[in-house]
Amino acid sequence: MIARIGEGETRPEHADAHLEILKWTGVLDDAAPEGNRSVFVLARVSREKAEFLLLALWDDWDSIGAFAGEPVDPARYYSEDDA
């Protein structure tokens, strides 16, 4: 099994909105393809910032490549990420 990790942060007052965006972009996209075993979102909110970690578990590199393309290392970004 291979873990693919994505990280991000925003202002604390935007934490809930950011989590909703993650649910409808990264979580749904990662969970859909064959070869994906599960997706987790971890969050930590402090006075200074809200940090997010998206952890997707995959069967193998081929499964990741079918989802992310080549090379498999870069994160997949969405237009909503700029907000």
N, C-alpha and C. Protein backbone atom coordinates (compact mmCIF):
# COMPACT_ATOMS: atom_id res chain seq x y z
N MET A 1 0.85 -1.17 0.00
CA MET A 1 0.00 0.00 0.00
C MET A 1 0.89 1.24 0.00
N ILE A 2 0.44 2.27 -0.70
CA ILE A 2 1.19 3.52 -0.83
C ILE A 2 0.32 4.65 -0.31
N ALA A 3 0.90 5.53 0.51
CA ALA A 3 0.20 6.70 1.02
C ALA A 3 0.63 7.92 0.21
N ARG A 4 -0.35 8.65 -0.27
CA ARG A 4 -0.10 9.90 -0.98
C ARG A 4 -0.62 11.01 -0.09
N ILE A 5 0.19 12.03 0.16
CA ILE A 5 -0.12 13.08 1.13
C ILE A 5 -0.15 14.44 0.46
N GLY A 6 -1.17 15.21 0.79
CA GLY A 6 -1.26 16.61 0.36
C GLY A 6 -1.45 17.49 1.57
N GLU A 7 -0.82 18.65 1.55
CA GLU A 7 -0.90 19.57 2.70
C GLU A 7 -1.37 20.94 2.23
N GLY A 8 -2.03 21.66 3.13
CA GLY A 8 -2.45 23.02 2.84
C GLY A 8 -2.76 23.75 4.12
N GLU A 9 -2.88 25.05 4.00
CA GLU A 9 -3.26 25.85 5.17
C GLU A 9 -4.02 27.08 4.73
N THR A 10 -4.76 27.64 5.66
CA THR A 10 -5.53 28.84 5.42
C THR A 10 -5.68 29.58 6.74
N ARG A 11 -6.36 30.69 6.70
CA ARG A 11 -6.64 31.43 7.94
C ARG A 11 -7.67 30.67 8.75
N PRO A 12 -7.62 30.78 10.07
CA PRO A 12 -8.56 30.04 10.92
C PRO A 12 -10.03 30.32 10.59
N GLU A 13 -10.34 31.55 10.22
CA GLU A 13 -11.74 31.88 9.93
C GLU A 13 -12.24 31.26 8.63
N HIS A 14 -11.33 30.73 7.83
CA HIS A 14 -11.71 30.06 6.58
C HIS A 14 -11.65 28.54 6.68
N ALA A 15 -11.41 28.01 7.86
CA ALA A 15 -11.20 26.57 8.04
C ALA A 15 -12.40 25.74 7.59
N ASP A 16 -13.60 26.13 7.98
CA ASP A 16 -14.79 25.35 7.61
C ASP A 16 -15.01 25.36 6.10
N ALA A 17 -14.84 26.52 5.49
CA ALA A 17 -15.01 26.61 4.03
C ALA A 17 -13.95 25.78 3.31
N HIS A 18 -12.73 25.81 3.81
CA HIS A 18 -11.66 25.03 3.19
C HIS A 18 -11.95 23.53 3.29
N LEU A 19 -12.45 23.09 4.42
CA LEU A 19 -12.80 21.69 4.59
C LEU A 19 -13.89 21.28 3.59
N GLU A 20 -14.87 22.12 3.39
CA GLU A 20 -15.93 21.82 2.42
C GLU A 20 -15.36 21.69 1.01
N ILE A 21 -14.44 22.58 0.65
CA ILE A 21 -13.80 22.49 -0.67
C ILE A 21 -13.04 21.18 -0.79
N LEU A 22 -12.30 20.81 0.26
CA LEU A 22 -11.57 19.53 0.23
C LEU A 22 -12.51 18.35 0.02
N LYS A 23 -13.65 18.38 0.68
CA LYS A 23 -14.61 17.28 0.55
C LYS A 23 -15.08 17.11 -0.89
N TRP A 24 -15.31 18.23 -1.59
CA TRP A 24 -15.88 18.17 -2.94
C TRP A 24 -14.84 18.11 -4.04
N THR A 25 -13.58 18.25 -3.70
CA THR A 25 -12.52 18.16 -4.72
C THR A 25 -11.63 16.96 -4.41
N GLY A 26 -10.63 17.17 -3.61
CA GLY A 26 -9.63 16.14 -3.34
C GLY A 26 -10.15 14.85 -2.77
N VAL A 27 -11.06 14.91 -1.82
CA VAL A 27 -11.55 13.68 -1.20
C VAL A 27 -12.37 12.86 -2.20
N LEU A 28 -13.30 13.49 -2.87
CA LEU A 28 -14.13 12.76 -3.84
C LEU A 28 -13.30 12.22 -5.00
N ASP A 29 -12.39 13.05 -5.51
CA ASP A 29 -11.55 12.61 -6.63
C ASP A 29 -10.64 11.46 -6.24
N ASP A 30 -10.02 11.55 -5.07
CA ASP A 30 -9.10 10.49 -4.62
C ASP A 30 -9.84 9.20 -4.33
N ALA A 31 -11.04 9.28 -3.78
CA ALA A 31 -11.76 8.09 -3.35
C ALA A 31 -12.38 7.33 -4.52
N ALA A 32 -12.61 7.99 -5.64
CA ALA A 32 -13.35 7.38 -6.74
C ALA A 32 -12.57 6.33 -7.54
N PRO A 33 -11.30 6.55 -7.87
CA PRO A 33 -10.62 5.62 -8.79
C PRO A 33 -10.39 4.23 -8.22
N GLU A 34 -10.34 3.28 -9.12
CA GLU A 34 -9.99 1.92 -8.73
C GLU A 34 -8.56 1.92 -8.19
N GLY A 35 -8.33 1.19 -7.15
CA GLY A 35 -7.01 1.13 -6.54
C GLY A 35 -6.87 2.01 -5.32
N ASN A 36 -7.85 2.92 -5.10
CA ASN A 36 -7.83 3.74 -3.89
C ASN A 36 -8.51 2.97 -2.78
N ARG A 37 -7.85 2.92 -1.62
CA ARG A 37 -8.39 2.18 -0.47
C ARG A 37 -9.14 3.08 0.51
N SER A 38 -8.66 4.28 0.72
CA SER A 38 -9.35 5.21 1.61
C SER A 38 -8.69 6.58 1.53
N VAL A 39 -9.43 7.57 2.03
CA VAL A 39 -8.94 8.95 2.06
C VAL A 39 -9.28 9.52 3.43
N PHE A 40 -8.31 10.19 4.03
CA PHE A 40 -8.50 10.81 5.34
C PHE A 40 -8.13 12.29 5.24
N VAL A 41 -8.85 13.12 5.97
CA VAL A 41 -8.50 14.53 6.10
C VAL A 41 -8.24 14.79 7.57
N LEU A 42 -7.06 15.29 7.87
CA LEU A 42 -6.71 15.67 9.23
C LEU A 42 -6.62 17.19 9.27
N ALA A 43 -7.11 17.79 10.33
CA ALA A 43 -7.10 19.25 10.44
C ALA A 43 -6.65 19.66 11.83
N ARG A 44 -5.94 20.78 11.86
CA ARG A 44 -5.54 21.40 13.13
C ARG A 44 -5.74 22.90 12.97
N VAL A 45 -6.57 23.47 13.84
CA VAL A 45 -6.87 24.89 13.77
C VAL A 45 -6.35 25.56 15.03
N SER A 46 -5.55 26.59 14.85
CA SER A 46 -5.04 27.38 15.97
C SER A 46 -5.45 28.84 15.75
N ARG A 47 -5.01 29.71 16.60
CA ARG A 47 -5.31 31.13 16.43
C ARG A 47 -4.63 31.70 15.19
N GLU A 48 -3.48 31.13 14.82
CA GLU A 48 -2.68 31.67 13.73
C GLU A 48 -3.06 31.12 12.36
N LYS A 49 -3.43 29.82 12.30
CA LYS A 49 -3.71 29.22 11.00
C LYS A 49 -4.49 27.92 11.16
N ALA A 50 -5.06 27.48 10.05
CA ALA A 50 -5.73 26.19 9.97
C ALA A 50 -4.92 25.33 8.99
N GLU A 51 -4.46 24.19 9.47
CA GLU A 51 -3.64 23.30 8.65
C GLU A 51 -4.44 22.04 8.30
N PHE A 52 -4.25 21.58 7.07
CA PHE A 52 -4.95 20.40 6.59
C PHE A 52 -3.98 19.43 5.97
N LEU A 53 -4.23 18.16 6.20
CA LEU A 53 -3.44 17.10 5.60
C LEU A 53 -4.42 16.09 5.00
N LEU A 54 -4.27 15.84 3.70
CA LEU A 54 -5.11 14.86 3.02
C LEU A 54 -4.24 13.63 2.77
N LEU A 55 -4.68 12.49 3.27
CA LEU A 55 -3.94 11.24 3.16
C LEU A 55 -4.77 10.24 2.37
N ALA A 56 -4.27 9.83 1.21
CA ALA A 56 -4.96 8.86 0.37
C ALA A 56 -4.12 7.58 0.31
N LEU A 57 -4.77 6.45 0.54
CA LEU A 57 -4.08 5.16 0.51
C LEU A 57 -4.41 4.43 -0.79
N TRP A 58 -3.37 3.97 -1.47
CA TRP A 58 -3.50 3.36 -2.80
C TRP A 58 -2.89 1.96 -2.81
N ASP A 59 -3.40 1.13 -3.71
CA ASP A 59 -2.87 -0.23 -3.89
C ASP A 59 -1.44 -0.23 -4.41
N ASP A 60 -1.19 0.59 -5.43
CA ASP A 60 0.12 0.54 -6.10
C ASP A 60 0.35 1.81 -6.92
N TRP A 61 1.55 1.93 -7.47
CA TRP A 61 1.93 3.11 -8.26
C TRP A 61 1.09 3.22 -9.53
N ASP A 62 0.73 2.09 -10.12
CA ASP A 62 -0.09 2.13 -11.33
C ASP A 62 -1.45 2.76 -11.07
N SER A 63 -2.03 2.46 -9.93
CA SER A 63 -3.32 3.07 -9.56
C SER A 63 -3.18 4.58 -9.40
N ILE A 64 -2.12 5.01 -8.77
CA ILE A 64 -1.88 6.45 -8.60
C ILE A 64 -1.67 7.10 -9.95
N GLY A 65 -0.87 6.46 -10.81
CA GLY A 65 -0.60 7.01 -12.14
C GLY A 65 -1.86 7.14 -12.98
N ALA A 66 -2.77 6.18 -12.87
CA ALA A 66 -4.03 6.25 -13.61
C ALA A 66 -4.87 7.44 -13.14
N PHE A 67 -4.75 7.79 -11.87
CA PHE A 67 -5.50 8.92 -11.31
C PHE A 67 -4.78 10.25 -11.57
N ALA A 68 -3.51 10.31 -11.23
CA ALA A 68 -2.78 11.58 -11.20
C ALA A 68 -2.03 11.89 -12.49
N GLY A 69 -1.79 10.88 -13.30
CA GLY A 69 -0.95 11.09 -14.47
C GLY A 69 0.52 10.95 -14.10
N GLU A 70 1.35 11.18 -15.06
CA GLU A 70 2.80 11.07 -14.84
C GLU A 70 3.43 12.46 -14.93
N PRO A 71 4.36 12.78 -14.08
CA PRO A 71 4.81 12.00 -12.93
C PRO A 71 3.75 12.00 -11.82
N VAL A 72 3.80 11.00 -10.96
CA VAL A 72 2.78 10.84 -9.92
C VAL A 72 3.03 11.70 -8.69
N ASP A 73 4.22 12.27 -8.56
CA ASP A 73 4.59 13.01 -7.34
C ASP A 73 3.87 14.34 -7.14
N PRO A 74 3.71 15.16 -8.16
CA PRO A 74 3.10 16.48 -7.90
C PRO A 74 1.66 16.37 -7.42
N ALA A 75 1.28 17.33 -6.60
CA ALA A 75 -0.10 17.38 -6.11
C ALA A 75 -1.03 17.74 -7.26
N ARG A 76 -2.27 17.35 -7.12
CA ARG A 76 -3.30 17.71 -8.08
C ARG A 76 -4.00 18.95 -7.55
N TYR A 77 -4.00 20.02 -8.33
CA TYR A 77 -4.59 21.28 -7.87
C TYR A 77 -5.92 21.54 -8.56
N TYR A 78 -6.78 22.27 -7.88
CA TYR A 78 -8.11 22.61 -8.37
C TYR A 78 -8.26 24.12 -8.40
N SER A 79 -9.16 24.61 -9.22
CA SER A 79 -9.36 26.07 -9.32
C SER A 79 -9.78 26.65 -7.96
N GLU A 80 -10.47 25.88 -7.14
CA GLU A 80 -10.91 26.35 -5.82
C GLU A 80 -9.76 26.52 -4.85
N ASP A 81 -8.61 25.95 -5.13
CA ASP A 81 -7.46 26.04 -4.22
C ASP A 81 -6.97 27.47 -4.04
N ASP A 82 -7.13 28.29 -5.07
CA ASP A 82 -6.66 29.68 -4.97
C ASP A 82 -7.47 30.51 -3.97
N ALA A 83 -8.73 30.11 -3.77
CA ALA A 83 -9.58 30.85 -2.84
C ALA A 83 -9.09 30.63 -1.42
